[in-house]
Each structure stands twice: as C-alpha cells, then as structure tokens.
Amino acid sequence: MRRFLGLALGVAIAWAAPATAQDISDDELLRIFETQRNAFREATESGMGRTRGLTLVTVEDVQGPTTAAAAEAPTAPPEGGEGVSIGSTGTAGLATTGLRPLAPATPTAPTPVVFGQLAPELQVNVRIEFAFDSAALSPDQKPRLEQLCRVMKASDIARFRIVGHTDAAGSDAYNERLSILRAEEVQRYFVNECGIDPTRLEAMGLGKRFLFNTANPRAGENRRVEFQALS
C-alpha cells in the first residue's frame, strides 16, 4: 500500500510556463533555482527535513531517480501502459535524491525515495504536451525548454532533478511509468540538444502523487515537468 511519510506538511503550487515564452526573466528564473538549492541544503543540514519553502517527503513504492546515462535507451509505453521499462534506480535515502551525483544502477524493485516538496514561489513547472500514451518529445514542444536550457547551462548549480507528474486519470502503475519515461525524455533533450553535462541531471517520475490542481485531479495543469536545483 502506498503512503507518504512526510516529515512535515508543506504547500505546493507552482510557476507554470506558457507554450512559447516565459513569464519571468532569465535572472528571475536563476534566482528561483538558487533559492531552491539553498533550501535543499538547509533542510538537509538542519536534520529536520524542512526549511522555509521546502519539506523533504519520503515517498514509498516509487522508482528512484535515474541518471542521464541510465536513461539513454527509452522504451515507449505500449497500449494500455503496462509493462513499460522504467530504467534504473538509485538506492533509498538522502544521498541518492540528487544531493550528490548518482551512478547508473541496474533495475531494482521500487523503494522509498526522498522528494523535495517546494512552496509556491519556488516551484518551476513546465507544461509539455505529449501525445496520448507517448513519451516522445515533439519538435513543437522544445521551445518551452529553451529558457531553462540557457539558465541551467549558465548557472553554477551542480545538480538538477527533472520530475514527471501526471493527472489522476489511469492507474498508479501506469502514471508512474509514463511520468518517469517523460522525465527521462526531457532529460535527454538537455543532454543531447542543450549540451548540459549528464552528471548534472537526474530524472524521476511521481505519477499523480503531487497534483498541481487538487480541486480537479484530471486537470491539464497536473500534467507537467518540474525542475529542482538540488545542489
């Protein structure tokens, strides 16, 4: 049975990017990433698992973060979504949540991972339109990632996490598989087309666990890719 082991309760709403342009400047986006990084550091060093703007939440029964190297050969989800290859996982615990680089690993059973639940002003979410039952990133969606590419390349942030989220339609297993495949597809874009060092990136999928719009679980804004600056 799935459950959240929250170290504390946190709020979660987000900044969302439009289709072809961002609502904030590159400097402001960088400021948000730097604030995220500071929050992750403070939450970890405090021993409390939380700080202003961030709560570290242990999520059970989820595939752990994958590095870019582990995500090089994606498997598209078949009809119905079951049996999708998710890729490799890290081991459980704070040390494998992106707070230090992960080495590629062989596939394992789902294990608890630590997710950083960020407060409203600190979330960076982008709506990427994927075809139904697909993890392919189409050319018309790539402009949505261009600003993030510029800012991430120019920053001194060592580690970013790319998190796939879905709406509440479909089974838990299907949504989690699809969300990690889509996060890994975005991760490959940043490595292969943006030129970001793969050691700076990891991907994970959380399915429908952290909805953006809790009032309407099937709303389109719940289908998003979230970016976090971990270290």
C-alpha atoms as a PDB file:
ATOM      1  CA  MET A   1       0.000   0.000   0.000  1.00  0.00           C
ATOM      2  CA  ARG A   2       1.350   3.365  -0.982  1.00  0.00           C
ATOM      3  CA  ARG A   3       1.636   6.132   1.569  1.00  0.00           C
ATOM      4  CA  PHE A   4       3.555   9.345   2.118  1.00  0.00           C
ATOM      5  CA  LEU A   5       5.868   9.614   5.104  1.00  0.00           C
ATOM      6  CA  GLY A   6       6.013  13.396   5.342  1.00  0.00           C
ATOM      7  CA  LEU A   7       8.495  14.945   7.718  1.00  0.00           C
ATOM      8  CA  ALA A   8       6.160  17.920   7.822  1.00  0.00           C
ATOM      9  CA  LEU A   9       3.234  19.315   5.906  1.00  0.00           C
ATOM     10  CA  GLY A  10       4.035  21.708   3.076  1.00  0.00           C
ATOM     11  CA  VAL A  11       2.218  23.761   0.477  1.00  0.00           C
ATOM     12  CA  ALA A  12       2.618  23.088  -3.239  1.00  0.00           C
ATOM     13  CA  ILE A  13       1.583  25.372  -6.028  1.00  0.00           C
ATOM     14  CA  ALA A  14       3.763  26.446  -8.912  1.00  0.00           C
ATOM     15  CA  TRP A  15       5.023  28.816 -11.554  1.00  0.00           C
ATOM     16  CA  ALA A  16       3.981  27.416 -14.936  1.00  0.00           C
ATOM     17  CA  ALA A  17       5.467  28.278 -18.311  1.00  0.00           C
ATOM     18  CA  PRO A  18       3.341  29.094 -21.384  1.00  0.00           C
ATOM     19  CA  ALA A  19       3.833  27.404 -24.728  1.00  0.00           C
ATOM     20  CA  THR A  20       6.355  29.677 -26.416  1.00  0.00           C
ATOM     21  CA  ALA A  21       7.564  32.276 -23.908  1.00  0.00           C
ATOM     22  CA  GLN A  22       8.321  32.542 -20.213  1.00  0.00           C
ATOM     23  CA  ASP A  23       6.557  34.881 -17.812  1.00  0.00           C
ATOM     24  CA  ILE A  24       9.757  35.658 -15.923  1.00  0.00           C
ATOM     25  CA  SER A  25      13.232  36.735 -16.925  1.00  0.00           C
ATOM     26  CA  ASP A  26      16.316  34.546 -17.045  1.00  0.00           C
ATOM     27  CA  ASP A  27      17.654  36.361 -13.990  1.00  0.00           C
ATOM     28  CA  GLU A  28      14.491  35.692 -12.026  1.00  0.00           C
ATOM     29  CA  LEU A  29      14.491  32.016 -13.022  1.00  0.00           C
ATOM     30  CA  LEU A  30      18.104  31.727 -11.885  1.00  0.00           C
ATOM     31  CA  ARG A  31      17.191  33.376  -8.584  1.00  0.00           C
ATOM     32  CA  ILE A  32      14.461  30.778  -8.039  1.00  0.00           C
ATOM     33  CA  PHE A  33      16.888  27.938  -8.753  1.00  0.00           C
ATOM     34  CA  GLU A  34      19.468  29.380  -6.360  1.00  0.00           C
ATOM     35  CA  THR A  35      16.809  29.712  -3.672  1.00  0.00           C
ATOM     36  CA  GLN A  36      15.784  26.099  -4.251  1.00  0.00           C
ATOM     37  CA  ARG A  37      19.399  24.979  -3.858  1.00  0.00           C
ATOM     38  CA  ASN A  38      19.760  26.885  -0.605  1.00  0.00           C
ATOM     39  CA  ALA A  39      16.522  25.390   0.710  1.00  0.00           C
ATOM     40  CA  PHE A  40      17.644  21.821  -0.058  1.00  0.00           C
ATOM     41  CA  ARG A  41      20.954  22.470   1.685  1.00  0.00           C
ATOM     42  CA  GLU A  42      19.326  23.977   4.774  1.00  0.00           C
ATOM     43  CA  ALA A  43      16.679  21.237   5.029  1.00  0.00           C
ATOM     44  CA  THR A  44      19.354  18.553   4.897  1.00  0.00           C
ATOM     45  CA  GLU A  45      21.862  20.202   7.218  1.00  0.00           C
ATOM     46  CA  SER A  46      19.236  21.086   9.824  1.00  0.00           C
ATOM     47  CA  GLY A  47      18.377  17.442  10.400  1.00  0.00           C
ATOM     48  CA  MET A  48      14.704  18.437  10.452  1.00  0.00           C
ATOM     49  CA  GLY A  49      13.963  17.643   6.813  1.00  0.00           C
ATOM     50  CA  ARG A  50      12.399  21.012   6.224  1.00  0.00           C
ATOM     51  CA  THR A  51      13.120  24.691   5.976  1.00  0.00           C
ATOM     52  CA  ARG A  52      11.194  27.717   4.823  1.00  0.00           C
ATOM     53  CA  GLY A  53       9.775  26.864   1.411  1.00  0.00           C
ATOM     54  CA  LEU A  54      10.750  23.170   1.384  1.00  0.00           C
ATOM     55  CA  THR A  55       9.673  19.918   3.012  1.00  0.00           C
ATOM     56  CA  LEU A  56      11.511  16.662   2.325  1.00  0.00           C
ATOM     57  CA  VAL A  57       8.924  13.911   1.923  1.00  0.00           C
ATOM     58  CA  THR A  58       9.703  10.198   1.829  1.00  0.00           C
ATOM     59  CA  VAL A  59       7.647   8.583  -0.928  1.00  0.00           C
ATOM     60  CA  GLU A  60       7.244   4.813  -0.818  1.00  0.00           C
ATOM     61  CA  ASP A  61       6.924   2.342  -3.677  1.00  0.00           C
ATOM     62  CA  VAL A  62       8.391   4.530  -6.401  1.00  0.00           C
ATOM     63  CA  GLN A  63      11.194   4.014  -8.889  1.00  0.00           C
ATOM     64  CA  GLY A  64      14.225   6.007  -7.752  1.00  0.00           C
ATOM     65  CA  PRO A  65      15.986   8.769  -9.680  1.00  0.00           C
ATOM     66  CA  THR A  66      17.761   7.804 -12.904  1.00  0.00           C
ATOM     67  CA  THR A  67      20.880   9.451 -14.212  1.00  0.00           C
ATOM     68  CA  ALA A  68      21.143  10.588 -17.813  1.00  0.00           C
ATOM     69  CA  ALA A  69      23.418   7.635 -18.568  1.00  0.00           C
ATOM     70  CA  ALA A  70      20.847   5.194 -17.275  1.00  0.00           C
ATOM     71  CA  ALA A  71      18.107   6.750 -19.408  1.00  0.00           C
ATOM     72  CA  GLU A  72      19.811   6.585 -22.789  1.00  0.00           C
ATOM     73  CA  ALA A  73      17.623   3.843 -24.264  1.00  0.00           C
ATOM     74  CA  PRO A  74      13.958   4.605 -23.544  1.00  0.00           C
ATOM     75  CA  THR A  75      11.138   2.159 -24.120  1.00  0.00           C
ATOM     76  CA  ALA A  76       7.897   3.725 -25.313  1.00  0.00           C
ATOM     77  CA  PRO A  77       4.809   2.700 -23.322  1.00  0.00           C
ATOM     78  CA  PRO A  78       2.711   0.055 -25.096  1.00  0.00           C
ATOM     79  CA  GLU A  79      -1.049   0.141 -25.484  1.00  0.00           C
ATOM     80  CA  GLY A  80      -2.581   0.278 -22.032  1.00  0.00           C
ATOM     81  CA  GLY A  81       0.640   1.427 -20.430  1.00  0.00           C
ATOM     82  CA  GLU A  82       1.588  -1.766 -18.557  1.00  0.00           C
ATOM     83  CA  GLY A  83       4.973  -3.415 -18.806  1.00  0.00           C
ATOM     84  CA  VAL A  84       6.877  -0.234 -19.595  1.00  0.00           C
ATOM     85  CA  SER A  85      10.613  -0.305 -18.966  1.00  0.00           C
ATOM     86  CA  ILE A  86      11.320   2.435 -16.462  1.00  0.00           C
ATOM     87  CA  GLY A  87      15.099   2.263 -16.413  1.00  0.00           C
ATOM     88  CA  SER A  88      17.485   2.055 -13.480  1.00  0.00           C
ATOM     89  CA  THR A  89      17.130   3.295  -9.964  1.00  0.00           C
ATOM     90  CA  GLY A  90      19.196   4.732  -7.205  1.00  0.00           C
ATOM     91  CA  THR A  91      19.171   3.427  -3.644  1.00  0.00           C
ATOM     92  CA  ALA A  92      16.976   4.961  -0.993  1.00  0.00           C
ATOM     93  CA  GLY A  93      17.898   7.864   1.237  1.00  0.00           C
ATOM     94  CA  LEU A  94      19.001  11.472   1.081  1.00  0.00           C
ATOM     95  CA  ALA A  95      22.328  10.579  -0.501  1.00  0.00           C
ATOM     96  CA  THR A  96      20.515   9.411  -3.637  1.00  0.00           C
ATOM     97  CA  THR A  97      17.983  12.193  -4.015  1.00  0.00           C
ATOM     98  CA  GLY A  98      20.282  14.364  -6.096  1.00  0.00           C
ATOM     99  CA  LEU A  99      22.144  15.917  -3.195  1.00  0.00           C
ATOM    100  CA  ARG A 100      25.213  14.251  -4.686  1.00  0.00           C
ATOM    101  CA  PRO A 101      25.754  12.607  -8.118  1.00  0.00           C
ATOM    102  CA  LEU A 102      24.287   9.168  -8.724  1.00  0.00           C
ATOM    103  CA  ALA A 103      25.968   6.327 -10.560  1.00  0.00           C
ATOM    104  CA  PRO A 104      23.906   4.309 -13.048  1.00  0.00           C
ATOM    105  CA  ALA A 105      22.404   1.205 -11.475  1.00  0.00           C
ATOM    106  CA  THR A 106      20.591  -1.889 -12.631  1.00  0.00           C
ATOM    107  CA  PRO A 107      16.792  -2.023 -12.351  1.00  0.00           C
ATOM    108  CA  THR A 108      15.521  -2.867  -8.885  1.00  0.00           C
ATOM    109  CA  ALA A 109      12.199  -3.096  -7.116  1.00  0.00           C
ATOM    110  CA  PRO A 110      10.598   0.226  -6.177  1.00  0.00           C
ATOM    111  CA  THR A 111      11.990   1.662  -2.951  1.00  0.00           C
ATOM    112  CA  PRO A 112      11.368   4.779  -0.846  1.00  0.00           C
ATOM    113  CA  VAL A 113      12.881   7.981  -2.219  1.00  0.00           C
ATOM    114  CA  VAL A 114      13.041  11.492  -0.823  1.00  0.00           C
ATOM    115  CA  PHE A 115      11.230  14.194  -2.781  1.00  0.00           C
ATOM    116  CA  GLY A 116      11.510  17.908  -2.125  1.00  0.00           C
ATOM    117  CA  GLN A 117       8.017  19.412  -1.902  1.00  0.00           C
ATOM    118  CA  LEU A 118       8.554  23.088  -2.674  1.00  0.00           C
ATOM    119  CA  ALA A 119       6.423  26.053  -1.701  1.00  0.00           C
ATOM    120  CA  PRO A 120       4.511  28.152  -4.272  1.00  0.00           C
ATOM    121  CA  GLU A 121       7.097  30.715  -5.221  1.00  0.00           C
ATOM    122  CA  LEU A 122       9.875  28.142  -5.532  1.00  0.00           C
ATOM    123  CA  GLN A 123       8.366  25.598  -7.924  1.00  0.00           C
ATOM    124  CA  VAL A 124       9.354  25.642 -11.585  1.00  0.00           C
ATOM    125  CA  ASN A 125       6.858  23.671 -13.684  1.00  0.00           C
ATOM    126  CA  VAL A 126       6.574  23.492 -17.472  1.00  0.00           C
ATOM    127  CA  ARG A 127       3.610  22.089 -19.372  1.00  0.00           C
ATOM    128  CA  ILE A 128       4.941  19.746 -22.046  1.00  0.00           C
ATOM    129  CA  GLU A 129       2.289  18.358 -24.387  1.00  0.00           C
ATOM    130  CA  PHE A 130       2.950  14.684 -25.073  1.00  0.00           C
ATOM    131  CA  ALA A 131       0.797  12.581 -27.376  1.00  0.00           C
ATOM    132  CA  PHE A 132      -1.549  10.130 -25.680  1.00  0.00           C
ATOM    133  CA  ASP A 133       0.312   7.159 -24.212  1.00  0.00           C
ATOM    134  CA  SER A 134       3.614   8.537 -25.528  1.00  0.00           C
ATOM    135  CA  ALA A 135       6.878   9.756 -24.037  1.00  0.00           C
ATOM    136  CA  ALA A 136       8.230  11.265 -27.269  1.00  0.00           C
ATOM    137  CA  LEU A 137       9.151  14.961 -27.107  1.00  0.00           C
ATOM    138  CA  SER A 138       7.867  16.512 -30.323  1.00  0.00           C
ATOM    139  CA  PRO A 139       9.745  19.404 -32.035  1.00  0.00           C
ATOM    140  CA  ASP A 140       6.961  21.907 -31.357  1.00  0.00           C
ATOM    141  CA  GLN A 141       7.365  21.369 -27.612  1.00  0.00           C
ATOM    142  CA  LYS A 142      11.097  22.052 -27.455  1.00  0.00           C
ATOM    143  CA  PRO A 143      10.762  25.888 -27.421  1.00  0.00           C
ATOM    144  CA  ARG A 144       9.195  25.526 -23.982  1.00  0.00           C
ATOM    145  CA  LEU A 145      12.556  24.303 -22.705  1.00  0.00           C
ATOM    146  CA  GLU A 146      14.844  26.879 -24.330  1.00  0.00           C
ATOM    147  CA  GLN A 147      14.906  29.347 -21.445  1.00  0.00           C
ATOM    148  CA  LEU A 148      15.596  26.570 -18.975  1.00  0.00           C
ATOM    149  CA  CYS A 149      18.441  25.396 -21.219  1.00  0.00           C
ATOM    150  CA  ARG A 150      20.058  28.853 -21.180  1.00  0.00           C
ATOM    151  CA  VAL A 151      19.719  29.340 -17.455  1.00  0.00           C
ATOM    152  CA  MET A 152      20.807  25.847 -16.456  1.00  0.00           C
ATOM    153  CA  LYS A 153      23.882  25.940 -18.709  1.00  0.00           C
ATOM    154  CA  ALA A 154      24.980  29.340 -17.426  1.00  0.00           C
ATOM    155  CA  SER A 155      24.459  28.578 -13.737  1.00  0.00           C
ATOM    156  CA  ASP A 156      26.912  27.085 -11.256  1.00  0.00           C
ATOM    157  CA  ILE A 157      24.269  24.708  -9.901  1.00  0.00           C
ATOM    158  CA  ALA A 158      25.778  21.230  -9.715  1.00  0.00           C
ATOM    159  CA  ARG A 159      22.676  19.051  -9.775  1.00  0.00           C
ATOM    160  CA  PHE A 160      19.178  19.384 -11.219  1.00  0.00           C
ATOM    161  CA  ARG A 161      16.280  16.996 -10.823  1.00  0.00           C
ATOM    162  CA  ILE A 162      13.651  16.650 -13.554  1.00  0.00           C
ATOM    163  CA  VAL A 163      10.360  15.323 -12.175  1.00  0.00           C
ATOM    164  CA  GLY A 164       7.498  13.971 -14.276  1.00  0.00           C
ATOM    165  CA  HIS A 165       3.953  14.463 -12.958  1.00  0.00           C
ATOM    166  CA  THR A 166       0.623  13.253 -14.392  1.00  0.00           C
ATOM    167  CA  ASP A 167      -3.040  13.903 -13.752  1.00  0.00           C
ATOM    168  CA  ALA A 168      -5.148  11.438 -11.775  1.00  0.00           C
ATOM    169  CA  ALA A 169      -6.614   9.549 -14.743  1.00  0.00           C
ATOM    170  CA  GLY A 170      -5.357   5.982 -15.076  1.00  0.00           C
ATOM    171  CA  SER A 171      -3.782   3.547 -12.645  1.00  0.00           C
ATOM    172  CA  ASP A 172      -0.947   4.371 -10.267  1.00  0.00           C
ATOM    173  CA  ALA A 173       1.397   1.961 -12.045  1.00  0.00           C
ATOM    174  CA  TYR A 174       0.644   3.374 -15.493  1.00  0.00           C
ATOM    175  CA  ASN A 175       1.032   7.002 -14.412  1.00  0.00           C
ATOM    176  CA  GLU A 176       4.312   6.379 -12.630  1.00  0.00           C
ATOM    177  CA  ARG A 177       5.794   4.527 -15.596  1.00  0.00           C
ATOM    178  CA  LEU A 178       4.693   7.198 -18.026  1.00  0.00           C
ATOM    179  CA  SER A 179       5.892  10.050 -15.804  1.00  0.00           C
ATOM    180  CA  ILE A 180       9.427   8.655 -15.487  1.00  0.00           C
ATOM    181  CA  LEU A 181       9.659   7.979 -19.231  1.00  0.00           C
ATOM    182  CA  ARG A 182       8.614  11.555 -19.975  1.00  0.00           C
ATOM    183  CA  ALA A 183      11.040  12.991 -17.418  1.00  0.00           C
ATOM    184  CA  GLU A 184      13.844  10.925 -18.978  1.00  0.00           C
ATOM    185  CA  GLU A 185      12.886  12.192 -22.438  1.00  0.00           C
ATOM    186  CA  VAL A 186      13.214  15.791 -21.238  1.00  0.00           C
ATOM    187  CA  GLN A 187      16.491  14.858 -19.568  1.00  0.00           C
ATOM    188  CA  ARG A 188      17.821  13.551 -22.906  1.00  0.00           C
ATOM    189  CA  TYR A 189      16.888  16.840 -24.573  1.00  0.00           C
ATOM    190  CA  PHE A 190      19.026  18.778 -22.102  1.00  0.00           C
ATOM    191  CA  VAL A 191      21.965  16.433 -22.640  1.00  0.00           C
ATOM    192  CA  ASN A 192      21.795  15.866 -26.403  1.00  0.00           C
ATOM    193  CA  GLU A 193      20.417  19.169 -27.695  1.00  0.00           C
ATOM    194  CA  CYS A 194      21.140  21.673 -24.936  1.00  0.00           C
ATOM    195  CA  GLY A 195      24.598  20.322 -24.139  1.00  0.00           C
ATOM    196  CA  ILE A 196      24.284  20.047 -20.362  1.00  0.00           C
ATOM    197  CA  ASP A 197      26.725  17.663 -18.716  1.00  0.00           C
ATOM    198  CA  PRO A 198      24.723  14.483 -17.919  1.00  0.00           C
ATOM    199  CA  THR A 199      26.290  14.281 -14.457  1.00  0.00           C
ATOM    200  CA  ARG A 200      24.301  17.417 -13.555  1.00  0.00           C
ATOM    201  CA  LEU A 201      20.928  15.794 -14.246  1.00  0.00           C
ATOM    202  CA  GLU A 202      18.675  13.111 -12.831  1.00  0.00           C
ATOM    203  CA  ALA A 203      15.074  12.205 -13.623  1.00  0.00           C
ATOM    204  CA  MET A 204      12.277  10.706 -11.584  1.00  0.00           C
ATOM    205  CA  GLY A 205       8.555  10.125 -12.073  1.00  0.00           C
ATOM    206  CA  LEU A 206       5.936  10.568  -9.372  1.00  0.00           C
ATOM    207  CA  GLY A 207       2.792   9.972 -11.400  1.00  0.00           C
ATOM    208  CA  LYS A 208      -0.237  11.535  -9.756  1.00  0.00           C
ATOM    209  CA  ARG A 209       1.169  11.733  -6.232  1.00  0.00           C
ATOM    210  CA  PHE A 210       1.676  15.533  -6.133  1.00  0.00           C
ATOM    211  CA  LEU A 211      -1.158  17.173  -8.059  1.00  0.00           C
ATOM    212  CA  PHE A 212      -0.875  20.838  -9.009  1.00  0.00           C
ATOM    213  CA  ASN A 213      -4.644  21.288  -9.086  1.00  0.00           C
ATOM    214  CA  THR A 214      -6.042  19.174  -6.265  1.00  0.00           C
ATOM    215  CA  ALA A 215      -9.550  20.536  -6.814  1.00  0.00           C
ATOM    216  CA  ASN A 216      -9.592  18.996 -10.302  1.00  0.00           C
ATOM    217  CA  PRO A 217      -7.350  15.910 -10.288  1.00  0.00           C
ATOM    218  CA  ARG A 218      -7.738  15.384 -14.045  1.00  0.00           C
ATOM    219  CA  ALA A 219      -6.927  18.987 -14.979  1.00  0.00           C
ATOM    220  CA  GLY A 220      -4.319  19.589 -17.670  1.00  0.00           C
ATOM    221  CA  GLU A 221      -2.032  21.586 -15.382  1.00  0.00           C
ATOM    222  CA  ASN A 222      -1.387  18.437 -13.380  1.00  0.00           C
ATOM    223  CA  ARG A 223       0.462  17.007 -16.405  1.00  0.00           C
ATOM    224  CA  ARG A 224       3.765  18.794 -16.064  1.00  0.00           C
ATOM    225  CA  VAL A 225       7.534  18.530 -15.748  1.00  0.00           C
ATOM    226  CA  GLU A 226       9.036  20.058 -12.616  1.00  0.00           C
ATOM    227  CA  PHE A 227      12.632  21.288 -12.278  1.00  0.00           C
ATOM    228  CA  GLN A 228      14.509  21.386  -8.989  1.00  0.00           C
ATOM    229  CA  ALA A 229      18.001  22.675  -8.213  1.00  0.00           C
ATOM    230  CA  LEU A 230      19.347  20.215  -5.662  1.00  0.00           C
ATOM    231  CA  SER A 231      22.937  21.278  -5.078  1.00  0.00           C
END
